[in-house]
Amino acid sequence: MVKDKQTVIEEFNELVNMSASDLETWLKEGSSESAGWSKEDGSGETIGHESGRKIIEILKKNPNKAPDKYEQDDVDHMRKVVAYCKRHLAQEGKAKQDPDSKSARSLKNWGHDPTKE
């Protein structure tokens, strides 16, 4: 069953616990590029790294998180972020225990810092 738009927005805003500037800083670090699957375009960028750039755009475009200000493309990407973060948080306790693990770095690329509560 597909989640409704409001649920996706609420869960995205709960799971993405990094600000746009925190995420920008993180994505500039070399360790952010060493976690996750590489895109198939030969750029060397990971799917999560690209996702992080999209999350920054969403956060900057709507800093007050007004539900009616999100475009459908935003909600579609938010849905991917929610699914990724929920799946990985359920599967991997290591992310919280080891902030340098590949799992933790990957989650940060998707806007979720597992060391934050």
PDB file of N, CA and C in Angstrom:
ATOM      1  N   MET A   1       0.843  -1.183   0.000  1.00  0.00           N
ATOM      2  CA  MET A   1       0.000   0.000   0.000  1.00  0.00           C
ATOM      3  C   MET A   1       0.893   1.252   0.000  1.00  0.00           C
ATOM      4  N   VAL A   2       0.594   2.170  -0.851  1.00  0.00           N
ATOM      5  CA  VAL A   2       1.376   3.389  -0.969  1.00  0.00           C
ATOM      6  C   VAL A   2       0.934   4.391   0.102  1.00  0.00           C
ATOM      7  N   LYS A   3       1.920   4.979   0.750  1.00  0.00           N
ATOM      8  CA  LYS A   3       1.617   5.977   1.780  1.00  0.00           C
ATOM      9  C   LYS A   3       1.082   7.246   1.133  1.00  0.00           C
ATOM     10  N   ASP A   4       0.163   7.893   1.826  1.00  0.00           N
ATOM     11  CA  ASP A   4      -0.365   9.141   1.301  1.00  0.00           C
ATOM     12  C   ASP A   4       0.676  10.252   1.444  1.00  0.00           C
ATOM     13  N   LYS A   5       0.464  11.310   0.711  1.00  0.00           N
ATOM     14  CA  LYS A   5       1.417  12.430   0.650  1.00  0.00           C
ATOM     15  C   LYS A   5       1.714  12.992   2.035  1.00  0.00           C
ATOM     16  N   GLN A   6       0.688  13.195   2.847  1.00  0.00           N
ATOM     17  CA  GLN A   6       0.881  13.785   4.173  1.00  0.00           C
ATOM     18  C   GLN A   6       1.765  12.904   5.052  1.00  0.00           C
ATOM     19  N   THR A   7       1.556  11.596   4.996  1.00  0.00           N
ATOM     20  CA  THR A   7       2.364  10.664   5.790  1.00  0.00           C
ATOM     21  C   THR A   7       3.820  10.705   5.338  1.00  0.00           C
ATOM     22  N   VAL A   8       4.030  10.720   4.027  1.00  0.00           N
ATOM     23  CA  VAL A   8       5.390  10.781   3.490  1.00  0.00           C
ATOM     24  C   VAL A   8       6.091  12.050   3.972  1.00  0.00           C
ATOM     25  N   ILE A   9       5.408  13.178   3.901  1.00  0.00           N
ATOM     26  CA  ILE A   9       5.996  14.455   4.323  1.00  0.00           C
ATOM     27  C   ILE A   9       6.343  14.415   5.813  1.00  0.00           C
ATOM     28  N   GLU A  10       5.430  13.924   6.632  1.00  0.00           N
ATOM     29  CA  GLU A  10       5.670  13.858   8.078  1.00  0.00           C
ATOM     30  C   GLU A  10       6.863  12.952   8.387  1.00  0.00           C
ATOM     31  N   GLU A  11       6.913  11.783   7.764  1.00  0.00           N
ATOM     32  CA  GLU A  11       8.002  10.841   8.034  1.00  0.00           C
ATOM     33  C   GLU A  11       9.335  11.374   7.513  1.00  0.00           C
ATOM     34  N   PHE A  12       9.317  12.012   6.364  1.00  0.00           N
ATOM     35  CA  PHE A  12      10.534  12.624   5.828  1.00  0.00           C
ATOM     36  C   PHE A  12      11.074  13.652   6.826  1.00  0.00           C
ATOM     37  N   ASN A  13      10.201  14.512   7.326  1.00  0.00           N
ATOM     38  CA  ASN A  13      10.643  15.556   8.242  1.00  0.00           C
ATOM     39  C   ASN A  13      11.073  15.017   9.598  1.00  0.00           C
ATOM     40  N   GLU A  14      10.635  13.826   9.957  1.00  0.00           N
ATOM     41  CA  GLU A  14      11.112  13.173  11.182  1.00  0.00           C
ATOM     42  C   GLU A  14      12.461  12.487  10.948  1.00  0.00           C
ATOM     43  N   LEU A  15      12.584  11.806   9.809  1.00  0.00           N
ATOM     44  CA  LEU A  15      13.788  11.019   9.541  1.00  0.00           C
ATOM     45  C   LEU A  15      14.978  11.871   9.094  1.00  0.00           C
ATOM     46  N   VAL A  16      14.723  12.889   8.303  1.00  0.00           N
ATOM     47  CA  VAL A  16      15.816  13.760   7.861  1.00  0.00           C
ATOM     48  C   VAL A  16      16.116  14.716   9.007  1.00  0.00           C
ATOM     49  N   ASN A  17      17.146  14.363   9.762  1.00  0.00           N
ATOM     50  CA  ASN A  17      17.476  15.132  10.966  1.00  0.00           C
ATOM     51  C   ASN A  17      18.731  15.987  10.787  1.00  0.00           C
ATOM     52  N   MET A  18      19.137  16.169   9.537  1.00  0.00           N
ATOM     53  CA  MET A  18      20.280  17.045   9.234  1.00  0.00           C
ATOM     54  C   MET A  18      19.746  18.279   8.514  1.00  0.00           C
ATOM     55  N   SER A  19      20.305  19.429   8.833  1.00  0.00           N
ATOM     56  CA  SER A  19      19.923  20.661   8.135  1.00  0.00           C
ATOM     57  C   SER A  19      20.554  20.649   6.744  1.00  0.00           C
ATOM     58  N   ALA A  20      20.082  21.523   5.890  1.00  0.00           N
ATOM     59  CA  ALA A  20      20.661  21.640   4.548  1.00  0.00           C
ATOM     60  C   ALA A  20      22.153  21.940   4.640  1.00  0.00           C
ATOM     61  N   SER A  21      22.551  22.833   5.541  1.00  0.00           N
ATOM     62  CA  SER A  21      23.973  23.187   5.642  1.00  0.00           C
ATOM     63  C   SER A  21      24.799  22.032   6.210  1.00  0.00           C
ATOM     64  N   ASP A  22      24.251  21.289   7.183  1.00  0.00           N
ATOM     65  CA  ASP A  22      24.959  20.114   7.716  1.00  0.00           C
ATOM     66  C   ASP A  22      25.152  19.064   6.624  1.00  0.00           C
ATOM     67  N   LEU A  23      24.115  18.863   5.835  1.00  0.00           N
ATOM     68  CA  LEU A  23      24.187  17.868   4.773  1.00  0.00           C
ATOM     69  C   LEU A  23      25.158  18.314   3.675  1.00  0.00           C
ATOM     70  N   GLU A  24      25.156  19.591   3.359  1.00  0.00           N
ATOM     71  CA  GLU A  24      26.117  20.115   2.377  1.00  0.00           C
ATOM     72  C   GLU A  24      27.552  19.887   2.843  1.00  0.00           C
ATOM     73  N   THR A  25      27.804  20.191   4.106  1.00  0.00           N
ATOM     74  CA  THR A  25      29.139  19.998   4.668  1.00  0.00           C
ATOM     75  C   THR A  25      29.522  18.523   4.605  1.00  0.00           C
ATOM     76  N   TRP A  26      28.608  17.647   5.000  1.00  0.00           N
ATOM     77  CA  TRP A  26      28.873  16.214   4.991  1.00  0.00           C
ATOM     78  C   TRP A  26      29.186  15.727   3.576  1.00  0.00           C
ATOM     79  N   LEU A  27      28.410  16.148   2.595  1.00  0.00           N
ATOM     80  CA  LEU A  27      28.598  15.654   1.231  1.00  0.00           C
ATOM     81  C   LEU A  27      29.925  16.104   0.617  1.00  0.00           C
ATOM     82  N   LYS A  28      30.551  17.125   1.204  1.00  0.00           N
ATOM     83  CA  LYS A  28      31.862  17.578   0.715  1.00  0.00           C
ATOM     84  C   LYS A  28      33.001  16.728   1.273  1.00  0.00           C
ATOM     85  N   GLU A  29      32.715  15.949   2.324  1.00  0.00           N
ATOM     86  CA  GLU A  29      33.736  15.092   2.923  1.00  0.00           C
ATOM     87  C   GLU A  29      33.954  13.852   2.057  1.00  0.00           C
ATOM     88  N   GLY A  30      35.184  13.429   1.959  1.00  0.00           N
ATOM     89  CA  GLY A  30      35.516  12.262   1.157  1.00  0.00           C
ATOM     90  C   GLY A  30      34.813  10.999   1.614  1.00  0.00           C
ATOM     91  N   SER A  31      34.608  10.871   2.930  1.00  0.00           N
ATOM     92  CA  SER A  31      33.993   9.643   3.442  1.00  0.00           C
ATOM     93  C   SER A  31      32.531   9.508   3.018  1.00  0.00           C
ATOM     94  N   SER A  32      31.914  10.611   2.611  1.00  0.00           N
ATOM     95  CA  SER A  32      30.521  10.525   2.157  1.00  0.00           C
ATOM     96  C   SER A  32      30.432   9.812   0.812  1.00  0.00           C
ATOM     97  N   GLU A  33      31.524   9.815   0.077  1.00  0.00           N
ATOM     98  CA  GLU A  33      31.519   9.224  -1.257  1.00  0.00           C
ATOM     99  C   GLU A  33      31.881   7.744  -1.248  1.00  0.00           C
ATOM    100  N   SER A  34      32.238   7.225  -0.085  1.00  0.00           N
ATOM    101  CA  SER A  34      32.689   5.831  -0.020  1.00  0.00           C
ATOM    102  C   SER A  34      31.631   4.896   0.559  1.00  0.00           C
ATOM    103  N   ALA A  35      30.382   5.320   0.547  1.00  0.00           N
ATOM    104  CA  ALA A  35      29.307   4.475   1.057  1.00  0.00           C
ATOM    105  C   ALA A  35      28.193   4.405   0.022  1.00  0.00           C
ATOM    106  N   GLY A  36      27.757   3.213  -0.274  1.00  0.00           N
ATOM    107  CA  GLY A  36      26.615   3.057  -1.158  1.00  0.00           C
ATOM    108  C   GLY A  36      26.972   2.582  -2.551  1.00  0.00           C
ATOM    109  N   TRP A  37      25.936   2.436  -3.342  1.00  0.00           N
ATOM    110  CA  TRP A  37      26.049   1.938  -4.712  1.00  0.00           C
ATOM    111  C   TRP A  37      26.359   3.067  -5.668  1.00  0.00           C
ATOM    112  N   SER A  38      27.277   2.826  -6.583  1.00  0.00           N
ATOM    113  CA  SER A  38      27.607   3.828  -7.593  1.00  0.00           C
ATOM    114  C   SER A  38      26.490   3.917  -8.624  1.00  0.00           C
ATOM    115  N   LYS A  39      26.280   5.130  -9.113  1.00  0.00           N
ATOM    116  CA  LYS A  39      25.323   5.326 -10.197  1.00  0.00           C
ATOM    117  C   LYS A  39      25.874   4.657 -11.454  1.00  0.00           C
ATOM    118  N   GLU A  40      25.000   4.362 -12.381  1.00  0.00           N
ATOM    119  CA  GLU A  40      25.406   3.668 -13.600  1.00  0.00           C
ATOM    120  C   GLU A  40      25.868   4.610 -14.700  1.00  0.00           C
ATOM    121  N   ASP A  41      25.959   5.912 -14.408  1.00  0.00           N
ATOM    122  CA  ASP A  41      26.334   6.871 -15.457  1.00  0.00           C
ATOM    123  C   ASP A  41      27.838   7.078 -15.576  1.00  0.00           C
ATOM    124  N   GLY A  42      28.605   6.344 -14.763  1.00  0.00           N
ATOM    125  CA  GLY A  42      30.059   6.449 -14.837  1.00  0.00           C
ATOM    126  C   GLY A  42      30.639   7.656 -14.127  1.00  0.00           C
ATOM    127  N   SER A  43      29.813   8.417 -13.431  1.00  0.00           N
ATOM    128  CA  SER A  43      30.286   9.633 -12.756  1.00  0.00           C
ATOM    129  C   SER A  43      31.086   9.329 -11.492  1.00  0.00           C
ATOM    130  N   GLY A  44      30.896   8.133 -10.946  1.00  0.00           N
ATOM    131  CA  GLY A  44      31.563   7.779  -9.699  1.00  0.00           C
ATOM    132  C   GLY A  44      30.769   8.196  -8.469  1.00  0.00           C
ATOM    133  N   GLU A  45      29.714   8.974  -8.658  1.00  0.00           N
ATOM    134  CA  GLU A  45      28.870   9.395  -7.537  1.00  0.00           C
ATOM    135  C   GLU A  45      27.966   8.242  -7.127  1.00  0.00           C
ATOM    136  N   THR A  46      27.725   8.111  -5.818  1.00  0.00           N
ATOM    137  CA  THR A  46      26.816   7.069  -5.354  1.00  0.00           C
ATOM    138  C   THR A  46      25.375   7.573  -5.442  1.00  0.00           C
ATOM    139  N   ILE A  47      24.458   6.628  -5.435  1.00  0.00           N
ATOM    140  CA  ILE A  47      23.032   6.957  -5.473  1.00  0.00           C
ATOM    141  C   ILE A  47      22.661   7.777  -4.239  1.00  0.00           C
ATOM    142  N   GLY A  48      23.200   7.398  -3.077  1.00  0.00           N
ATOM    143  CA  GLY A  48      22.909   8.133  -1.843  1.00  0.00           C
ATOM    144  C   GLY A  48      23.458   9.550  -1.866  1.00  0.00           C
ATOM    145  N   HIS A  49      24.624   9.725  -2.452  1.00  0.00           N
ATOM    146  CA  HIS A  49      25.227  11.058  -2.546  1.00  0.00           C
ATOM    147  C   HIS A  49      24.343  11.958  -3.404  1.00  0.00           C
ATOM    148  N   GLU A  50      23.866  11.419  -4.525  1.00  0.00           N
ATOM    149  CA  GLU A  50      22.954  12.177  -5.386  1.00  0.00           C
ATOM    150  C   GLU A  50      21.660  12.492  -4.623  1.00  0.00           C
ATOM    151  N   SER A  51      21.168  11.518  -3.865  1.00  0.00           N
ATOM    152  CA  SER A  51      19.969  11.729  -3.068  1.00  0.00           C
ATOM    153  C   SER A  51      20.174  12.876  -2.082  1.00  0.00           C
ATOM    154  N   GLY A  52      21.348  12.912  -1.457  1.00  0.00           N
ATOM    155  CA  GLY A  52      21.647  13.990  -0.504  1.00  0.00           C
ATOM    156  C   GLY A  52      21.554  15.365  -1.155  1.00  0.00           C
ATOM    157  N   ARG A  53      22.031  15.468  -2.398  1.00  0.00           N
ATOM    158  CA  ARG A  53      21.939  16.747  -3.105  1.00  0.00           C
ATOM    159  C   ARG A  53      20.486  17.123  -3.354  1.00  0.00           C
ATOM    160  N   LYS A  54      19.645  16.140  -3.668  1.00  0.00           N
ATOM    161  CA  LYS A  54      18.216  16.402  -3.875  1.00  0.00           C
ATOM    162  C   LYS A  54      17.542  16.809  -2.560  1.00  0.00           C
ATOM    163  N   ILE A  55      17.944  16.179  -1.467  1.00  0.00           N
ATOM    164  CA  ILE A  55      17.383  16.520  -0.154  1.00  0.00           C
ATOM    165  C   ILE A  55      17.721  17.968   0.193  1.00  0.00           C
ATOM    166  N   ILE A  56      18.949  18.385  -0.079  1.00  0.00           N
ATOM    167  CA  ILE A  56      19.344  19.776   0.179  1.00  0.00           C
ATOM    168  C   ILE A  56      18.430  20.725  -0.587  1.00  0.00           C
ATOM    169  N   GLU A  57      18.166  20.422  -1.842  1.00  0.00           N
ATOM    170  CA  GLU A  57      17.266  21.266  -2.643  1.00  0.00           C
ATOM    171  C   GLU A  57      15.886  21.348  -2.002  1.00  0.00           C
ATOM    172  N   ILE A  58      15.360  20.207  -1.569  1.00  0.00           N
ATOM    173  CA  ILE A  58      14.033  20.177  -0.939  1.00  0.00           C
ATOM    174  C   ILE A  58      14.031  21.020   0.333  1.00  0.00           C
ATOM    175  N   LEU A  59      15.051  20.848   1.169  1.00  0.00           N
ATOM    176  CA  LEU A  59      15.120  21.589   2.434  1.00  0.00           C
ATOM    177  C   LEU A  59      15.252  23.094   2.203  1.00  0.00           C
ATOM    178  N   LYS A  60      16.052  23.476   1.229  1.00  0.00           N
ATOM    179  CA  LYS A  60      16.255  24.908   0.957  1.00  0.00           C
ATOM    180  C   LYS A  60      15.023  25.545   0.319  1.00  0.00           C
ATOM    181  N   LYS A  61      14.353  24.790  -0.523  1.00  0.00           N
ATOM    182  CA  LYS A  61      13.189  25.314  -1.233  1.00  0.00           C
ATOM    183  C   LYS A  61      12.015  25.545  -0.283  1.00  0.00           C
ATOM    184  N   ASN A  62      11.939  24.764   0.773  1.00  0.00           N
ATOM    185  CA  ASN A  62      10.812  24.848   1.701  1.00  0.00           C
ATOM    186  C   ASN A  62      11.315  24.757   3.143  1.00  0.00           C
ATOM    187  N   PRO A  63      12.037  25.795   3.598  1.00  0.00           N
ATOM    188  CA  PRO A  63      12.638  25.735   4.939  1.00  0.00           C
ATOM    189  C   PRO A  63      11.629  25.660   6.081  1.00  0.00           C
ATOM    190  N   ASN A  64      10.417  26.120   5.845  1.00  0.00           N
ATOM    191  CA  ASN A  64       9.395  26.071   6.897  1.00  0.00           C
ATOM    192  C   ASN A  64       8.597  24.769   6.875  1.00  0.00           C
ATOM    193  N   LYS A  65       8.920  23.902   5.911  1.00  0.00           N
ATOM    194  CA  LYS A  65       8.299  22.580   5.800  1.00  0.00           C
ATOM    195  C   LYS A  65       6.780  22.646   5.659  1.00  0.00           C
ATOM    196  N   ALA A  66       6.307  23.653   4.933  1.00  0.00           N
ATOM    197  CA  ALA A  66       4.867  23.793   4.688  1.00  0.00           C
ATOM    198  C   ALA A  66       4.426  22.699   3.717  1.00  0.00           C
ATOM    199  N   PRO A  67       3.515  21.825   4.137  1.00  0.00           N
ATOM    200  CA  PRO A  67       3.122  20.689   3.303  1.00  0.00           C
ATOM    201  C   PRO A  67       2.632  21.067   1.902  1.00  0.00           C
ATOM    202  N   ASP A  68       1.977  22.192   1.773  1.00  0.00           N
ATOM    203  CA  ASP A  68       1.430  22.584   0.469  1.00  0.00           C
ATOM    204  C   ASP A  68       2.476  23.189  -0.466  1.00  0.00           C
ATOM    205  N   LYS A  69       3.699  23.360   0.005  1.00  0.00           N
ATOM    206  CA  LYS A  69       4.762  23.957  -0.815  1.00  0.00           C
ATOM    207  C   LYS A  69       5.630  22.911  -1.520  1.00  0.00           C
ATOM    208  N   TYR A  70       5.404  21.632  -1.236  1.00  0.00           N
ATOM    209  CA  TYR A  70       6.181  20.585  -1.883  1.00  0.00           C
ATOM    210  C   TYR A  70       5.577  20.255  -3.244  1.00  0.00           C
ATOM    211  N   GLU A  71       6.425  20.134  -4.246  1.00  0.00           N
ATOM    212  CA  GLU A  71       5.988  19.724  -5.572  1.00  0.00           C
ATOM    213  C   GLU A  71       5.967  18.197  -5.628  1.00  0.00           C
ATOM    214  N   GLN A  72       5.313  17.642  -6.636  1.00  0.00           N
ATOM    215  CA  GLN A  72       5.202  16.188  -6.739  1.00  0.00           C
ATOM    216  C   GLN A  72       6.574  15.520  -6.838  1.00  0.00           C
ATOM    217  N   ASP A  73       7.518  16.136  -7.561  1.00  0.00           N
ATOM    218  CA  ASP A  73       8.875  15.576  -7.649  1.00  0.00           C
ATOM    219  C   ASP A  73       9.528  15.504  -6.268  1.00  0.00           C
ATOM    220  N   ASP A  74       9.279  16.534  -5.440  1.00  0.00           N
ATOM    221  CA  ASP A  74       9.808  16.540  -4.078  1.00  0.00           C
ATOM    222  C   ASP A  74       9.241  15.358  -3.290  1.00  0.00           C
ATOM    223  N   VAL A  75       7.927  15.200  -3.352  1.00  0.00           N
ATOM    224  CA  VAL A  75       7.268  14.130  -2.598  1.00  0.00           C
ATOM    225  C   VAL A  75       7.732  12.758  -3.091  1.00  0.00           C
ATOM    226  N   ASP A  76       7.933  12.625  -4.398  1.00  0.00           N
ATOM    227  CA  ASP A  76       8.422  11.351  -4.933  1.00  0.00           C
ATOM    228  C   ASP A  76       9.804  11.018  -4.358  1.00  0.00           C
ATOM    229  N   HIS A  77      10.675  12.028  -4.277  1.00  0.00           N
ATOM    230  CA  HIS A  77      11.997  11.761  -3.704  1.00  0.00           C
ATOM    231  C   HIS A  77      11.903  11.553  -2.196  1.00  0.00           C
ATOM    232  N   MET A  78      11.046  12.298  -1.532  1.00  0.00           N
ATOM    233  CA  MET A  78      10.852  12.128  -0.091  1.00  0.00           C
ATOM    234  C   MET A  78      10.403  10.695   0.212  1.00  0.00           C
ATOM    235  N   ARG A  79       9.579  10.152  -0.656  1.00  0.00           N
ATOM    236  CA  ARG A  79       9.105   8.774  -0.483  1.00  0.00           C
ATOM    237  C   ARG A  79      10.287   7.799  -0.526  1.00  0.00           C
ATOM    238  N   LYS A  80      11.215   8.011  -1.450  1.00  0.00           N
ATOM    239  CA  LYS A  80      12.415   7.165  -1.549  1.00  0.00           C
ATOM    240  C   LYS A  80      13.273   7.289  -0.290  1.00  0.00           C
ATOM    241  N   VAL A  81      13.416   8.526   0.198  1.00  0.00           N
ATOM    242  CA  VAL A  81      14.230   8.776   1.395  1.00  0.00           C
ATOM    243  C   VAL A  81      13.633   8.062   2.602  1.00  0.00           C
ATOM    244  N   VAL A  82      12.327   8.188   2.768  1.00  0.00           N
ATOM    245  CA  VAL A  82      11.647   7.540   3.892  1.00  0.00           C
ATOM    246  C   VAL A  82      11.839   6.022   3.816  1.00  0.00           C
ATOM    247  N   ALA A  83      11.623   5.450   2.646  1.00  0.00           N
ATOM    248  CA  ALA A  83      11.755   3.997   2.489  1.00  0.00           C
ATOM    249  C   ALA A  83      13.181   3.550   2.790  1.00  0.00           C
ATOM    250  N   TYR A  84      14.166   4.263   2.255  1.00  0.00           N
ATOM    251  CA  TYR A  84      15.564   3.902   2.469  1.00  0.00           C
ATOM    252  C   TYR A  84      15.916   3.981   3.957  1.00  0.00           C
ATOM    253  N   CYS A  85      15.627   5.104   4.564  1.00  0.00           N
ATOM    254  CA  CYS A  85      16.003   5.301   5.975  1.00  0.00           C
ATOM    255  C   CYS A  85      15.307   4.291   6.881  1.00  0.00           C
ATOM    256  N   LYS A  86      14.019   4.088   6.694  1.00  0.00           N
ATOM    257  CA  LYS A  86      13.296   3.135   7.541  1.00  0.00           C
ATOM    258  C   LYS A  86      13.850   1.723   7.385  1.00  0.00           C
ATOM    259  N   ARG A  87      14.111   1.332   6.150  1.00  0.00           N
ATOM    260  CA  ARG A  87      14.631  -0.013   5.897  1.00  0.00           C
ATOM    261  C   ARG A  87      15.995  -0.203   6.562  1.00  0.00           C
ATOM    262  N   HIS A  88      16.874   0.770   6.390  1.00  0.00           N
ATOM    263  CA  HIS A  88      18.221   0.621   6.922  1.00  0.00           C
ATOM    264  C   HIS A  88      18.275   0.781   8.438  1.00  0.00           C
ATOM    265  N   LEU A  89      17.447   1.618   8.985  1.00  0.00           N
ATOM    266  CA  LEU A  89      17.408   1.752  10.440  1.00  0.00           C
ATOM    267  C   LEU A  89      16.863   0.483  11.091  1.00  0.00           C
ATOM    268  N   ALA A  90      15.926  -0.176  10.442  1.00  0.00           N
ATOM    269  CA  ALA A  90      15.358  -1.417  10.980  1.00  0.00           C
ATOM    270  C   ALA A  90      16.360  -2.566  10.891  1.00  0.00           C
ATOM    271  N   GLN A  91      17.190  -2.554   9.870  1.00  0.00           N
ATOM    272  CA  GLN A  91      18.109  -3.665   9.632  1.00  0.00           C
ATOM    273  C   GLN A  91      19.438  -3.521  10.350  1.00  0.00           C
ATOM    274  N   GLU A  92      19.875  -2.317  10.558  1.00  0.00           N
ATOM    275  CA  GLU A  92      21.263  -2.136  10.960  1.00  0.00           C
ATOM    276  C   GLU A  92      21.427  -1.295  12.221  1.00  0.00           C
ATOM    277  N   GLY A  93      21.627  -1.977  13.331  1.00  0.00           N
ATOM    278  CA  GLY A  93      21.911  -1.288  14.571  1.00  0.00           C
ATOM    279  C   GLY A  93      23.327  -0.732  14.607  1.00  0.00           C
ATOM    280  N   LYS A  94      24.174  -1.220  13.699  1.00  0.00           N
ATOM    281  CA  LYS A  94      25.575  -0.807  13.673  1.00  0.00           C
ATOM    282  C   LYS A  94      25.726   0.684  13.408  1.00  0.00           C
ATOM    283  N   ALA A  95      24.811   1.261  12.671  1.00  0.00           N
ATOM    284  CA  ALA A  95      24.900   2.683  12.322  1.00  0.00           C
ATOM    285  C   ALA A  95      24.938   3.558  13.572  1.00  0.00           C
ATOM    286  N   LYS A  96      24.162   3.182  14.584  1.00  0.00           N
ATOM    287  CA  LYS A  96      24.154   3.974  15.819  1.00  0.00           C
ATOM    288  C   LYS A  96      25.375   3.682  16.682  1.00  0.00           C
ATOM    289  N   GLN A  97      25.873   2.453  16.619  1.00  0.00           N
ATOM    290  CA  GLN A  97      27.004   2.055  17.441  1.00  0.00           C
ATOM    291  C   GLN A  97      28.336   2.554  16.877  1.00  0.00           C
ATOM    292  N   ASP A  98      28.435   2.615  15.563  1.00  0.00           N
ATOM    293  CA  ASP A  98      29.691   2.993  14.919  1.00  0.00           C
ATOM    294  C   ASP A  98      29.437   4.070  13.869  1.00  0.00           C
ATOM    295  N   PRO A  99      29.621   5.342  14.259  1.00  0.00           N
ATOM    296  CA  PRO A  99      29.337   6.438  13.329  1.00  0.00           C
ATOM    297  C   PRO A  99      30.239   6.467  12.097  1.00  0.00           C
ATOM    298  N   ASP A 100      31.321   5.689  12.105  1.00  0.00           N
ATOM    299  CA  ASP A 100      32.203   5.638  10.945  1.00  0.00           C
ATOM    300  C   ASP A 100      31.906   4.443  10.045  1.00  0.00           C
ATOM    301  N   SER A 101      30.892   3.652  10.400  1.00  0.00           N
ATOM    302  CA  SER A 101      30.564   2.485   9.592  1.00  0.00           C
ATOM    303  C   SER A 101      29.999   2.915   8.239  1.00  0.00           C
ATOM    304  N   LYS A 102      30.077   2.014   7.289  1.00  0.00           N
ATOM    305  CA  LYS A 102      29.529   2.285   5.957  1.00  0.00           C
ATOM    306  C   LYS A 102      28.027   2.564   6.059  1.00  0.00           C
ATOM    307  N   SER A 103      27.364   1.851   6.935  1.00  0.00           N
ATOM    308  CA  SER A 103      25.925   2.032   7.137  1.00  0.00           C
ATOM    309  C   SER A 103      25.605   3.444   7.626  1.00  0.00           C
ATOM    310  N   ALA A 104      26.348   3.919   8.614  1.00  0.00           N
ATOM    311  CA  ALA A 104      26.119   5.263   9.150  1.00  0.00           C
ATOM    312  C   ALA A 104      26.411   6.327   8.098  1.00  0.00           C
ATOM    313  N   ARG A 105      27.495   6.140   7.348  1.00  0.00           N
ATOM    314  CA  ARG A 105      27.840   7.108   6.297  1.00  0.00           C
ATOM    315  C   ARG A 105      26.770   7.138   5.214  1.00  0.00           C
ATOM    316  N   SER A 106      26.257   5.978   4.878  1.00  0.00           N
ATOM    317  CA  SER A 106      25.213   5.905   3.863  1.00  0.00           C
ATOM    318  C   SER A 106      23.940   6.603   4.336  1.00  0.00           C
ATOM    319  N   LEU A 107      23.542   6.360   5.568  1.00  0.00           N
ATOM    320  CA  LEU A 107      22.355   7.030   6.116  1.00  0.00           C
ATOM    321  C   LEU A 107      22.530   8.551   6.104  1.00  0.00           C
ATOM    322  N   LYS A 108      23.719   9.017   6.413  1.00  0.00           N
ATOM    323  CA  LYS A 108      23.962  10.467   6.396  1.00  0.00           C
ATOM    324  C   LYS A 108      23.806  11.028   4.983  1.00  0.00           C
ATOM    325  N   ASN A 109      24.229  10.251   3.989  1.00  0.00           N
ATOM    326  CA  ASN A 109      24.020  10.699   2.609  1.00  0.00           C
ATOM    327  C   ASN A 109      22.539  10.897   2.311  1.00  0.00           C
ATOM    328  N   TRP A 110      21.698  10.147   2.993  1.00  0.00           N
ATOM    329  CA  TRP A 110      20.250  10.226   2.811  1.00  0.00           C
ATOM    330  C   TRP A 110      19.607  11.174   3.831  1.00  0.00           C
ATOM    331  N   GLY A 111      20.424  11.972   4.514  1.00  0.00           N
ATOM    332  CA  GLY A 111      19.911  13.022   5.394  1.00  0.00           C
ATOM    333  C   GLY A 111      19.645  12.620   6.824  1.00  0.00           C
ATOM    334  N   HIS A 112      19.974  11.385   7.193  1.00  0.00           N
ATOM    335  CA  HIS A 112      19.722  10.930   8.566  1.00  0.00           C
ATOM    336  C   HIS A 112      21.053  10.658   9.263  1.00  0.00           C
ATOM    337  N   ASP A 113      21.322  11.435  10.308  1.00  0.00           N
ATOM    338  CA  ASP A 113      22.519  11.226  11.121  1.00  0.00           C
ATOM    339  C   ASP A 113      22.133  10.302  12.278  1.00  0.00           C
ATOM    340  N   PRO A 114      22.593   9.035  12.264  1.00  0.00           N
ATOM    341  CA  PRO A 114      22.186   8.084  13.296  1.00  0.00           C
ATOM    342  C   PRO A 114      22.714   8.425  14.696  1.00  0.00           C
ATOM    343  N   THR A 115      23.654   9.346  14.789  1.00  0.00           N
ATOM    344  CA  THR A 115      24.161   9.724  16.113  1.00  0.00           C
ATOM    345  C   THR A 115      23.278  10.780  16.780  1.00  0.00           C
ATOM    346  N   LYS A 116      22.361  11.367  16.033  1.00  0.00           N
ATOM    347  CA  LYS A 116      21.429  12.350  16.595  1.00  0.00           C
ATOM    348  C   LYS A 116      20.158  11.632  17.043  1.00  0.00           C
ATOM    349  N   GLU A 117      19.569  12.152  18.076  1.00  0.00           N
ATOM    350  CA  GLU A 117      18.296  11.576  18.547  1.00  0.00           C
ATOM    351  C   GLU A 117      17.125  12.410  18.132  1.00  0.00           C
TER     352      GLU A 117
END
